[in-house]
Amino acid sequence: MSEETIFYSRLKQEIEKSRKSTNQIERELGYSRNSLHNYKNGTEPSGTRLIEIAEYFNVSPKFLIGKTNISSENSPIIIFEQLNDVQKLEMLKLCHNWSEKLIKNIQLPDSN
């Protein structure tokens, strides 16, 4: 029995999360029947198909092929990592100010 590729494992995971059948997704993408299931044998998708599948499930292509464990390119972690040091420091200051305002607005219950 062959081991599933990261791509196929993550593809299956996204299919399950969608609560749709594989055949329904294939139809919606305009793919022939069993084309997604055929990736189980270790075949990797073309670049075009990888992007189509990633866009369909709203995940990054890098996530599908196992280059990252973060499914969305819009993840705060990904965005933060793309900032330079000055931008990161500015973001830290903004978060600090925001959290101070939140703390000031928290209503503590009466101890009576």
C-alpha atoms as a PDB file:
ATOM      1  CA  MET A   1       0.000   0.000   0.000  1.00  0.00           C
ATOM      2  CA  SER A   2       1.510   3.335  -1.029  1.00  0.00           C
ATOM      3  CA  GLU A   3       1.784   6.276   1.301  1.00  0.00           C
ATOM      4  CA  GLU A   4      -0.336   9.322   0.456  1.00  0.00           C
ATOM      5  CA  THR A   5       1.512  12.405  -0.696  1.00  0.00           C
ATOM      6  CA  ILE A   6       1.211  15.605   1.300  1.00  0.00           C
ATOM      7  CA  PHE A   7      -0.676  17.092  -1.628  1.00  0.00           C
ATOM      8  CA  TYR A   8      -3.269  14.324  -1.732  1.00  0.00           C
ATOM      9  CA  SER A   9      -3.634  14.290   2.047  1.00  0.00           C
ATOM     10  CA  ARG A  10      -4.292  18.035   2.142  1.00  0.00           C
ATOM     11  CA  LEU A  11      -6.558  17.830  -0.890  1.00  0.00           C
ATOM     12  CA  LYS A  12      -8.649  15.180   0.883  1.00  0.00           C
ATOM     13  CA  GLN A  13      -8.738  17.345   4.009  1.00  0.00           C
ATOM     14  CA  GLU A  14     -10.048  20.330   2.035  1.00  0.00           C
ATOM     15  CA  ILE A  15     -12.616  18.162   0.247  1.00  0.00           C
ATOM     16  CA  GLU A  16     -13.887  16.876   3.611  1.00  0.00           C
ATOM     17  CA  LYS A  17     -14.058  20.418   5.021  1.00  0.00           C
ATOM     18  CA  SER A  18     -16.107  21.515   2.002  1.00  0.00           C
ATOM     19  CA  ARG A  19     -18.713  18.811   2.730  1.00  0.00           C
ATOM     20  CA  LYS A  20     -18.986  18.177  -0.994  1.00  0.00           C
ATOM     21  CA  SER A  21     -18.257  15.006  -2.876  1.00  0.00           C
ATOM     22  CA  THR A  22     -15.064  14.708  -4.863  1.00  0.00           C
ATOM     23  CA  ASN A  23     -17.148  14.226  -8.009  1.00  0.00           C
ATOM     24  CA  GLN A  24     -19.117  17.407  -7.318  1.00  0.00           C
ATOM     25  CA  ILE A  25     -15.902  19.401  -6.911  1.00  0.00           C
ATOM     26  CA  GLU A  26     -14.498  17.896 -10.107  1.00  0.00           C
ATOM     27  CA  ARG A  27     -17.650  18.986 -11.958  1.00  0.00           C
ATOM     28  CA  GLU A  28     -17.465  22.505 -10.496  1.00  0.00           C
ATOM     29  CA  LEU A  29     -13.818  22.786 -11.550  1.00  0.00           C
ATOM     30  CA  GLY A  30     -14.570  21.362 -15.002  1.00  0.00           C
ATOM     31  CA  TYR A  31     -12.300  18.341 -14.458  1.00  0.00           C
ATOM     32  CA  SER A  32     -12.959  14.850 -15.710  1.00  0.00           C
ATOM     33  CA  ARG A  33     -14.338  12.262 -13.298  1.00  0.00           C
ATOM     34  CA  ASN A  34     -11.735  10.812 -10.888  1.00  0.00           C
ATOM     35  CA  SER A  35      -9.120  13.400 -11.864  1.00  0.00           C
ATOM     36  CA  LEU A  36      -8.710  14.492  -8.220  1.00  0.00           C
ATOM     37  CA  HIS A  37      -8.721  10.925  -6.943  1.00  0.00           C
ATOM     38  CA  ASN A  38      -5.932  10.092  -9.400  1.00  0.00           C
ATOM     39  CA  TYR A  39      -3.538  12.253  -7.348  1.00  0.00           C
ATOM     40  CA  LYS A  40      -3.614   9.507  -4.719  1.00  0.00           C
ATOM     41  CA  ASN A  41      -1.017   7.531  -6.685  1.00  0.00           C
ATOM     42  CA  GLY A  42       1.596  10.265  -6.209  1.00  0.00           C
ATOM     43  CA  THR A  43       1.072  12.259  -9.380  1.00  0.00           C
ATOM     44  CA  GLU A  44       1.584  15.957  -8.722  1.00  0.00           C
ATOM     45  CA  PRO A  45      -0.717  18.532 -10.333  1.00  0.00           C
ATOM     46  CA  SER A  46       0.504  20.946 -12.977  1.00  0.00           C
ATOM     47  CA  GLY A  47       1.130  24.507 -11.836  1.00  0.00           C
ATOM     48  CA  THR A  48      -2.098  25.678 -13.425  1.00  0.00           C
ATOM     49  CA  ARG A  49      -4.144  22.945 -11.821  1.00  0.00           C
ATOM     50  CA  LEU A  50      -2.476  23.537  -8.433  1.00  0.00           C
ATOM     51  CA  ILE A  51      -3.517  27.190  -8.572  1.00  0.00           C
ATOM     52  CA  GLU A  52      -7.070  26.298  -9.659  1.00  0.00           C
ATOM     53  CA  ILE A  53      -7.461  23.856  -6.776  1.00  0.00           C
ATOM     54  CA  ALA A  54      -5.926  26.273  -4.263  1.00  0.00           C
ATOM     55  CA  GLU A  55      -8.245  29.073  -5.387  1.00  0.00           C
ATOM     56  CA  TYR A  56     -11.260  26.763  -5.237  1.00  0.00           C
ATOM     57  CA  PHE A  57     -10.552  25.888  -1.597  1.00  0.00           C
ATOM     58  CA  ASN A  58      -9.249  29.370  -0.733  1.00  0.00           C
ATOM     59  CA  VAL A  59      -5.883  28.069   0.456  1.00  0.00           C
ATOM     60  CA  SER A  60      -2.368  28.777  -0.729  1.00  0.00           C
ATOM     61  CA  PRO A  61      -0.677  26.514  -3.273  1.00  0.00           C
ATOM     62  CA  LYS A  62       2.296  26.300  -0.873  1.00  0.00           C
ATOM     63  CA  PHE A  63      -0.022  24.810   1.750  1.00  0.00           C
ATOM     64  CA  LEU A  64      -1.339  22.170  -0.645  1.00  0.00           C
ATOM     65  CA  ILE A  65       2.146  20.972  -1.588  1.00  0.00           C
ATOM     66  CA  GLY A  66       3.466  21.019   1.984  1.00  0.00           C
ATOM     67  CA  LYS A  67       5.808  24.018   1.808  1.00  0.00           C
ATOM     68  CA  THR A  68       3.954  25.643   4.711  1.00  0.00           C
ATOM     69  CA  ASN A  69       1.497  24.535   7.367  1.00  0.00           C
ATOM     70  CA  ILE A  70      -0.380  27.826   7.153  1.00  0.00           C
ATOM     71  CA  SER A  71      -3.280  27.397   4.763  1.00  0.00           C
ATOM     72  CA  SER A  72      -3.925  31.028   3.873  1.00  0.00           C
ATOM     73  CA  GLU A  73      -1.540  33.578   2.421  1.00  0.00           C
ATOM     74  CA  ASN A  74      -3.625  36.181   4.276  1.00  0.00           C
ATOM     75  CA  SER A  75      -2.685  34.679   7.622  1.00  0.00           C
ATOM     76  CA  PRO A  76      -1.476  37.305  10.113  1.00  0.00           C
ATOM     77  CA  ILE A  77       1.704  35.273  10.569  1.00  0.00           C
ATOM     78  CA  ILE A  78       2.504  35.350   6.843  1.00  0.00           C
ATOM     79  CA  ILE A  79       1.725  39.057   6.601  1.00  0.00           C
ATOM     80  CA  PHE A  80       3.834  39.863   9.685  1.00  0.00           C
ATOM     81  CA  GLU A  81       6.793  37.862   8.377  1.00  0.00           C
ATOM     82  CA  GLN A  82       6.761  39.934   5.188  1.00  0.00           C
ATOM     83  CA  LEU A  83       7.199  43.211   7.095  1.00  0.00           C
ATOM     84  CA  ASN A  84      10.610  44.789   7.552  1.00  0.00           C
ATOM     85  CA  ASP A  85      11.907  45.475  11.083  1.00  0.00           C
ATOM     86  CA  VAL A  86      10.652  49.083  11.154  1.00  0.00           C
ATOM     87  CA  GLN A  87       7.174  47.969  10.086  1.00  0.00           C
ATOM     88  CA  LYS A  88       7.182  45.184  12.684  1.00  0.00           C
ATOM     89  CA  LEU A  89       8.093  47.681  15.409  1.00  0.00           C
ATOM     90  CA  GLU A  90       5.304  50.005  14.288  1.00  0.00           C
ATOM     91  CA  MET A  91       2.868  47.083  14.349  1.00  0.00           C
ATOM     92  CA  LEU A  92       4.023  46.194  17.864  1.00  0.00           C
ATOM     93  CA  LYS A  93       3.381  49.774  19.022  1.00  0.00           C
ATOM     94  CA  LEU A  94      -0.092  49.757  17.468  1.00  0.00           C
ATOM     95  CA  CYS A  95      -0.943  46.456  19.142  1.00  0.00           C
ATOM     96  CA  HIS A  96       0.363  47.702  22.476  1.00  0.00           C
ATOM     97  CA  ASN A  97      -1.748  50.883  22.283  1.00  0.00           C
ATOM     98  CA  TRP A  98      -4.786  48.895  21.208  1.00  0.00           C
ATOM     99  CA  SER A  99      -4.414  46.416  24.070  1.00  0.00           C
ATOM    100  CA  GLU A 100      -3.990  49.239  26.620  1.00  0.00           C
ATOM    101  CA  LYS A 101      -7.260  50.791  25.427  1.00  0.00           C
ATOM    102  CA  LEU A 102      -9.006  47.434  25.713  1.00  0.00           C
ATOM    103  CA  ILE A 103      -7.735  46.902  29.242  1.00  0.00           C
ATOM    104  CA  LYS A 104      -8.916  50.384  30.305  1.00  0.00           C
ATOM    105  CA  ASN A 105     -12.399  49.659  28.951  1.00  0.00           C
ATOM    106  CA  ILE A 106     -12.824  46.330  30.705  1.00  0.00           C
ATOM    107  CA  GLN A 107     -15.480  46.551  33.381  1.00  0.00           C
ATOM    108  CA  LEU A 108     -14.547  44.582  36.454  1.00  0.00           C
ATOM    109  CA  PRO A 109     -17.478  43.050  38.341  1.00  0.00           C
ATOM    110  CA  ASP A 110     -18.313  44.490  41.752  1.00  0.00           C
ATOM    111  CA  SER A 111     -16.851  42.440  44.584  1.00  0.00           C
ATOM    112  CA  ASN A 112     -19.934  43.064  46.766  1.00  0.00           C
END
